[in-house]
Amino acid sequence: MKKVTLSLAAGLLLVSATTFAQSWSVDKMHSSIGFGVTHLTISEIQGNFGTFDGKITDAKADFDGAKIEFTADVNSINTNVEPRDKHLKSADFFDAEKMPTIAFKSKTFKKAGGKNYKVTGDLTMHGVTKPVTFDAVYNGSTVNPMSKKTMAGFTVTGNVKRSDFGVGASMPEAMLSENVKLKANFEFSKD
């Protein structure tokens, strides 16, 4: 009898977790993936990726333990200076012709207090995959009055070393900082 009761309880927990699992897709019109890098040690150059995608799958209402994935198209890089964008797409930096996608897939999405989370996972850029940790802030949820869909907002920030991924390997740090700041503002729509 105990075995049956435990099996039934375990089955109900599994069903309830599966029932709550939710998928969210990035609202590309209200989201952005950007970066900043220091030039000549005196100023920060900023840019973004115009073409990207992302999704979250969660099993809890507070997103603790969620899975997040996003991709960015290197060919959509934009720093508002066309010659620089062309150079960034070249083999000197991202080599967009051979490696056109930047991708992130989380391994953990853990609550760090309040609306703050730590997101760890694998970042693939320039053909190299490395573990990284990002900070995420849950900005809240609401219902979009136009689409009537439930929306959730996150700001994700972090730093990566460009040399870890072989990006701009010929550029000395006095020219271009090793540290690249990443900042993404995501608005997700519940599927």
C-alpha atoms as a PDB file:
ATOM      1  CA  MET A   1       0.000   0.000   0.000  1.00  0.00           C
ATOM      2  CA  LYS A   2       2.855   2.418   0.841  1.00  0.00           C
ATOM      3  CA  LYS A   3       4.451   1.690  -2.535  1.00  0.00           C
ATOM      4  CA  VAL A   4       1.222   2.470  -4.377  1.00  0.00           C
ATOM      5  CA  THR A   5       0.709   5.698  -2.395  1.00  0.00           C
ATOM      6  CA  LEU A   6       4.309   6.845  -3.027  1.00  0.00           C
ATOM      7  CA  SER A   7       4.054   5.984  -6.728  1.00  0.00           C
ATOM      8  CA  LEU A   8       0.768   7.859  -6.992  1.00  0.00           C
ATOM      9  CA  ALA A   9       2.215  10.908  -5.195  1.00  0.00           C
ATOM     10  CA  ALA A  10       5.313  10.896  -7.406  1.00  0.00           C
ATOM     11  CA  GLY A  11       3.114  10.583 -10.491  1.00  0.00           C
ATOM     12  CA  LEU A  12       0.938  13.518  -9.421  1.00  0.00           C
ATOM     13  CA  LEU A  13       4.018  15.683  -8.798  1.00  0.00           C
ATOM     14  CA  LEU A  14       5.364  14.814 -12.235  1.00  0.00           C
ATOM     15  CA  VAL A  15       2.026  15.572 -13.888  1.00  0.00           C
ATOM     16  CA  SER A  16       1.659  18.900 -12.040  1.00  0.00           C
ATOM     17  CA  ALA A  17       5.221  19.949 -12.978  1.00  0.00           C
ATOM     18  CA  THR A  18       4.574  18.983 -16.590  1.00  0.00           C
ATOM     19  CA  THR A  19       1.219  20.749 -16.560  1.00  0.00           C
ATOM     20  CA  PHE A  20       2.792  24.000 -15.366  1.00  0.00           C
ATOM     21  CA  ALA A  21       5.677  23.943 -17.864  1.00  0.00           C
ATOM     22  CA  GLN A  22       5.349  27.073 -19.971  1.00  0.00           C
ATOM     23  CA  SER A  23       7.082  28.326 -23.089  1.00  0.00           C
ATOM     24  CA  TRP A  24       7.804  31.968 -23.797  1.00  0.00           C
ATOM     25  CA  SER A  25       9.046  33.447 -27.091  1.00  0.00           C
ATOM     26  CA  VAL A  26      11.024  36.657 -27.411  1.00  0.00           C
ATOM     27  CA  ASP A  27       9.070  39.662 -28.666  1.00  0.00           C
ATOM     28  CA  LYS A  28      11.655  40.913 -31.159  1.00  0.00           C
ATOM     29  CA  MET A  29       9.986  44.303 -31.581  1.00  0.00           C
ATOM     30  CA  HIS A  30      10.469  45.101 -27.892  1.00  0.00           C
ATOM     31  CA  SER A  31      13.808  43.415 -27.164  1.00  0.00           C
ATOM     32  CA  SER A  32      17.487  44.036 -27.866  1.00  0.00           C
ATOM     33  CA  ILE A  33      20.897  42.383 -27.595  1.00  0.00           C
ATOM     34  CA  GLY A  34      23.750  44.842 -27.258  1.00  0.00           C
ATOM     35  CA  PHE A  35      27.421  45.089 -26.348  1.00  0.00           C
ATOM     36  CA  GLY A  36      30.041  47.631 -25.389  1.00  0.00           C
ATOM     37  CA  VAL A  37      33.817  47.543 -25.727  1.00  0.00           C
ATOM     38  CA  THR A  38      36.413  50.115 -24.652  1.00  0.00           C
ATOM     39  CA  HIS A  39      38.416  51.733 -27.470  1.00  0.00           C
ATOM     40  CA  LEU A  40      41.914  53.132 -26.825  1.00  0.00           C
ATOM     41  CA  THR A  41      41.196  52.827 -23.076  1.00  0.00           C
ATOM     42  CA  ILE A  42      39.233  56.105 -23.161  1.00  0.00           C
ATOM     43  CA  SER A  43      35.763  55.524 -24.602  1.00  0.00           C
ATOM     44  CA  GLU A  44      33.152  52.838 -25.004  1.00  0.00           C
ATOM     45  CA  ILE A  45      31.902  51.822 -28.431  1.00  0.00           C
ATOM     46  CA  GLN A  46      28.431  50.289 -28.362  1.00  0.00           C
ATOM     47  CA  GLY A  47      26.615  48.098 -30.804  1.00  0.00           C
ATOM     48  CA  ASN A  48      23.802  45.613 -31.150  1.00  0.00           C
ATOM     49  CA  PHE A  49      22.540  42.694 -33.177  1.00  0.00           C
ATOM     50  CA  GLY A  50      19.443  43.508 -35.217  1.00  0.00           C
ATOM     51  CA  THR A  51      18.483  39.890 -35.876  1.00  0.00           C
ATOM     52  CA  PHE A  52      18.115  37.540 -32.916  1.00  0.00           C
ATOM     53  CA  ASP A  53      15.789  35.017 -31.346  1.00  0.00           C
ATOM     54  CA  GLY A  54      15.163  33.611 -27.897  1.00  0.00           C
ATOM     55  CA  LYS A  55      12.917  31.519 -25.713  1.00  0.00           C
ATOM     56  CA  ILE A  56      12.350  30.565 -22.102  1.00  0.00           C
ATOM     57  CA  THR A  57      10.843  27.355 -20.795  1.00  0.00           C
ATOM     58  CA  ASP A  58       9.880  27.369 -17.134  1.00  0.00           C
ATOM     59  CA  ALA A  59       8.284  24.968 -14.711  1.00  0.00           C
ATOM     60  CA  LYS A  60       7.712  27.444 -11.860  1.00  0.00           C
ATOM     61  CA  ALA A  61       5.783  30.686 -11.668  1.00  0.00           C
ATOM     62  CA  ASP A  62       8.865  32.559 -10.372  1.00  0.00           C
ATOM     63  CA  PHE A  63      11.129  31.333 -13.254  1.00  0.00           C
ATOM     64  CA  ASP A  64      13.566  29.685 -10.801  1.00  0.00           C
ATOM     65  CA  GLY A  65      15.076  26.763 -12.709  1.00  0.00           C
ATOM     66  CA  ALA A  66      13.916  28.044 -16.110  1.00  0.00           C
ATOM     67  CA  LYS A  67      15.796  27.280 -19.314  1.00  0.00           C
ATOM     68  CA  ILE A  68      16.739  30.173 -21.585  1.00  0.00           C
ATOM     69  CA  GLU A  69      18.215  30.114 -25.075  1.00  0.00           C
ATOM     70  CA  PHE A  70      19.038  32.894 -27.482  1.00  0.00           C
ATOM     71  CA  THR A  71      20.817  33.338 -30.786  1.00  0.00           C
ATOM     72  CA  ALA A  72      22.107  36.388 -32.632  1.00  0.00           C
ATOM     73  CA  ASP A  73      22.993  36.735 -36.305  1.00  0.00           C
ATOM     74  CA  VAL A  74      26.529  38.138 -36.596  1.00  0.00           C
ATOM     75  CA  ASN A  75      25.672  39.585 -40.022  1.00  0.00           C
ATOM     76  CA  SER A  76      23.168  41.891 -38.304  1.00  0.00           C
ATOM     77  CA  ILE A  77      25.839  43.596 -36.159  1.00  0.00           C
ATOM     78  CA  ASN A  78      25.339  47.364 -36.006  1.00  0.00           C
ATOM     79  CA  THR A  79      27.601  49.994 -34.424  1.00  0.00           C
ATOM     80  CA  ASN A  80      26.201  52.827 -36.572  1.00  0.00           C
ATOM     81  CA  VAL A  81      29.459  52.957 -38.566  1.00  0.00           C
ATOM     82  CA  GLU A  82      29.244  50.880 -41.745  1.00  0.00           C
ATOM     83  CA  PRO A  83      33.028  50.402 -42.293  1.00  0.00           C
ATOM     84  CA  ARG A  84      33.433  49.244 -38.675  1.00  0.00           C
ATOM     85  CA  ASP A  85      30.492  46.855 -39.002  1.00  0.00           C
ATOM     86  CA  LYS A  86      32.057  45.397 -42.149  1.00  0.00           C
ATOM     87  CA  HIS A  87      35.382  44.985 -40.324  1.00  0.00           C
ATOM     88  CA  LEU A  88      33.666  43.274 -37.368  1.00  0.00           C
ATOM     89  CA  LYS A  89      32.057  40.770 -39.749  1.00  0.00           C
ATOM     90  CA  SER A  90      35.451  39.995 -41.343  1.00  0.00           C
ATOM     91  CA  ALA A  91      37.915  37.237 -40.412  1.00  0.00           C
ATOM     92  CA  ASP A  92      39.744  39.803 -38.201  1.00  0.00           C
ATOM     93  CA  PHE A  93      36.854  39.563 -35.724  1.00  0.00           C
ATOM     94  CA  PHE A  94      33.729  37.381 -36.007  1.00  0.00           C
ATOM     95  CA  ASP A  95      34.313  35.820 -39.455  1.00  0.00           C
ATOM     96  CA  ALA A  96      30.571  35.985 -40.110  1.00  0.00           C
ATOM     97  CA  GLU A  97      30.837  34.158 -43.415  1.00  0.00           C
ATOM     98  CA  LYS A  98      32.088  30.988 -41.676  1.00  0.00           C
ATOM     99  CA  MET A  99      30.553  31.456 -38.211  1.00  0.00           C
ATOM    100  CA  PRO A 100      27.357  33.490 -38.600  1.00  0.00           C
ATOM    101  CA  THR A 101      25.655  32.711 -35.284  1.00  0.00           C
ATOM    102  CA  ILE A 102      26.227  33.534 -31.624  1.00  0.00           C
ATOM    103  CA  ALA A 103      24.265  31.203 -29.341  1.00  0.00           C
ATOM    104  CA  PHE A 104      23.627  30.828 -25.620  1.00  0.00           C
ATOM    105  CA  LYS A 105      21.958  27.884 -23.888  1.00  0.00           C
ATOM    106  CA  SER A 106      21.480  27.963 -20.128  1.00  0.00           C
ATOM    107  CA  LYS A 107      22.333  25.146 -17.759  1.00  0.00           C
ATOM    108  CA  THR A 108      21.015  26.847 -14.623  1.00  0.00           C
ATOM    109  CA  PHE A 109      18.707  29.792 -13.948  1.00  0.00           C
ATOM    110  CA  LYS A 110      18.804  30.342 -10.188  1.00  0.00           C
ATOM    111  CA  LYS A 111      17.141  32.912  -8.005  1.00  0.00           C
ATOM    112  CA  ALA A 112      19.733  35.108  -6.276  1.00  0.00           C
ATOM    113  CA  GLY A 113      17.368  37.160  -4.117  1.00  0.00           C
ATOM    114  CA  GLY A 114      14.448  39.416  -4.918  1.00  0.00           C
ATOM    115  CA  LYS A 115      14.098  39.770  -8.682  1.00  0.00           C
ATOM    116  CA  ASN A 116      17.744  38.829  -9.323  1.00  0.00           C
ATOM    117  CA  TYR A 117      18.921  35.607 -10.940  1.00  0.00           C
ATOM    118  CA  LYS A 118      22.236  34.015 -11.905  1.00  0.00           C
ATOM    119  CA  VAL A 119      22.191  32.377 -15.313  1.00  0.00           C
ATOM    120  CA  THR A 120      24.961  29.965 -16.233  1.00  0.00           C
ATOM    121  CA  GLY A 121      25.331  28.189 -19.521  1.00  0.00           C
ATOM    122  CA  ASP A 122      27.307  27.754 -22.695  1.00  0.00           C
ATOM    123  CA  LEU A 123      28.036  30.686 -24.999  1.00  0.00           C
ATOM    124  CA  THR A 124      29.123  29.816 -28.534  1.00  0.00           C
ATOM    125  CA  MET A 125      30.798  32.609 -30.475  1.00  0.00           C
ATOM    126  CA  HIS A 126      33.332  32.554 -33.308  1.00  0.00           C
ATOM    127  CA  GLY A 127      33.177  28.748 -33.295  1.00  0.00           C
ATOM    128  CA  VAL A 128      34.204  28.493 -29.624  1.00  0.00           C
ATOM    129  CA  THR A 129      31.932  27.325 -26.801  1.00  0.00           C
ATOM    130  CA  LYS A 130      32.712  28.417 -23.235  1.00  0.00           C
ATOM    131  CA  PRO A 131      30.785  28.426 -19.952  1.00  0.00           C
ATOM    132  CA  VAL A 132      29.640  31.888 -18.848  1.00  0.00           C
ATOM    133  CA  THR A 133      27.536  33.388 -16.072  1.00  0.00           C
ATOM    134  CA  PHE A 134      25.155  36.283 -16.586  1.00  0.00           C
ATOM    135  CA  ASP A 135      23.098  38.363 -14.167  1.00  0.00           C
ATOM    136  CA  ALA A 136      19.390  38.572 -14.906  1.00  0.00           C
ATOM    137  CA  VAL A 137      16.767  40.852 -13.402  1.00  0.00           C
ATOM    138  CA  TYR A 138      13.121  39.896 -13.707  1.00  0.00           C
ATOM    139  CA  ASN A 139      11.338  43.164 -14.488  1.00  0.00           C
ATOM    140  CA  GLY A 140       7.866  41.731 -13.975  1.00  0.00           C
ATOM    141  CA  SER A 141       4.943  40.370 -15.954  1.00  0.00           C
ATOM    142  CA  THR A 142       1.842  41.965 -17.381  1.00  0.00           C
ATOM    143  CA  VAL A 143      -0.856  41.397 -19.973  1.00  0.00           C
ATOM    144  CA  ASN A 144      -0.318  43.242 -23.245  1.00  0.00           C
ATOM    145  CA  PRO A 145      -3.557  45.194 -23.816  1.00  0.00           C
ATOM    146  CA  MET A 146      -3.185  44.874 -27.608  1.00  0.00           C
ATOM    147  CA  SER A 147      -2.385  41.158 -28.021  1.00  0.00           C
ATOM    148  CA  LYS A 148      -3.970  40.028 -24.706  1.00  0.00           C
ATOM    149  CA  LYS A 149      -0.885  37.847 -24.180  1.00  0.00           C
ATOM    150  CA  THR A 150       0.988  37.542 -20.896  1.00  0.00           C
ATOM    151  CA  MET A 151       4.409  39.185 -21.171  1.00  0.00           C
ATOM    152  CA  ALA A 152       7.513  38.880 -18.978  1.00  0.00           C
ATOM    153  CA  GLY A 153      10.533  41.192 -19.031  1.00  0.00           C
ATOM    154  CA  PHE A 154      14.179  40.466 -18.196  1.00  0.00           C
ATOM    155  CA  THR A 155      17.387  42.472 -18.338  1.00  0.00           C
ATOM    156  CA  VAL A 156      20.448  40.243 -18.762  1.00  0.00           C
ATOM    157  CA  THR A 157      23.984  41.589 -18.268  1.00  0.00           C
ATOM    158  CA  GLY A 158      27.457  40.137 -18.126  1.00  0.00           C
ATOM    159  CA  ASN A 159      31.021  40.322 -19.337  1.00  0.00           C
ATOM    160  CA  VAL A 160      33.045  38.065 -21.598  1.00  0.00           C
ATOM    161  CA  LYS A 161      36.689  38.129 -22.630  1.00  0.00           C
ATOM    162  CA  ARG A 162      36.974  38.409 -26.388  1.00  0.00           C
ATOM    163  CA  SER A 163      40.247  36.407 -26.363  1.00  0.00           C
ATOM    164  CA  ASP A 164      38.389  33.431 -24.833  1.00  0.00           C
ATOM    165  CA  PHE A 165      36.496  33.230 -28.119  1.00  0.00           C
ATOM    166  CA  GLY A 166      39.306  34.299 -30.483  1.00  0.00           C
ATOM    167  CA  VAL A 167      37.488  37.495 -31.502  1.00  0.00           C
ATOM    168  CA  GLY A 168      39.818  40.288 -32.630  1.00  0.00           C
ATOM    169  CA  ALA A 169      42.883  38.253 -31.657  1.00  0.00           C
ATOM    170  CA  SER A 170      45.232  40.634 -33.502  1.00  0.00           C
ATOM    171  CA  MET A 171      43.923  43.696 -31.630  1.00  0.00           C
ATOM    172  CA  PRO A 172      46.027  44.643 -28.573  1.00  0.00           C
ATOM    173  CA  GLU A 173      44.158  45.525 -25.391  1.00  0.00           C
ATOM    174  CA  ALA A 174      45.419  49.123 -25.633  1.00  0.00           C
ATOM    175  CA  MET A 175      43.378  49.328 -28.857  1.00  0.00           C
ATOM    176  CA  LEU A 176      40.355  47.267 -27.824  1.00  0.00           C
ATOM    177  CA  SER A 177      39.511  46.080 -24.324  1.00  0.00           C
ATOM    178  CA  GLU A 178      39.604  42.382 -23.516  1.00  0.00           C
ATOM    179  CA  ASN A 179      36.399  42.799 -21.581  1.00  0.00           C
ATOM    180  CA  VAL A 180      33.199  43.033 -23.610  1.00  0.00           C
ATOM    181  CA  LYS A 181      30.040  44.107 -21.777  1.00  0.00           C
ATOM    182  CA  LEU A 182      26.851  42.388 -22.856  1.00  0.00           C
ATOM    183  CA  LYS A 183      23.371  43.701 -22.171  1.00  0.00           C
ATOM    184  CA  ALA A 184      20.115  42.230 -23.400  1.00  0.00           C
ATOM    185  CA  ASN A 185      16.620  43.504 -22.732  1.00  0.00           C
ATOM    186  CA  PHE A 186      14.127  40.746 -23.384  1.00  0.00           C
ATOM    187  CA  GLU A 187      10.358  40.953 -23.486  1.00  0.00           C
ATOM    188  CA  PHE A 188       8.898  37.451 -23.710  1.00  0.00           C
ATOM    189  CA  SER A 189       5.393  36.481 -24.770  1.00  0.00           C
ATOM    190  CA  LYS A 190       3.799  33.397 -23.243  1.00  0.00           C
ATOM    191  CA  ASP A 191       3.069  30.874 -26.015  1.00  0.00           C
END
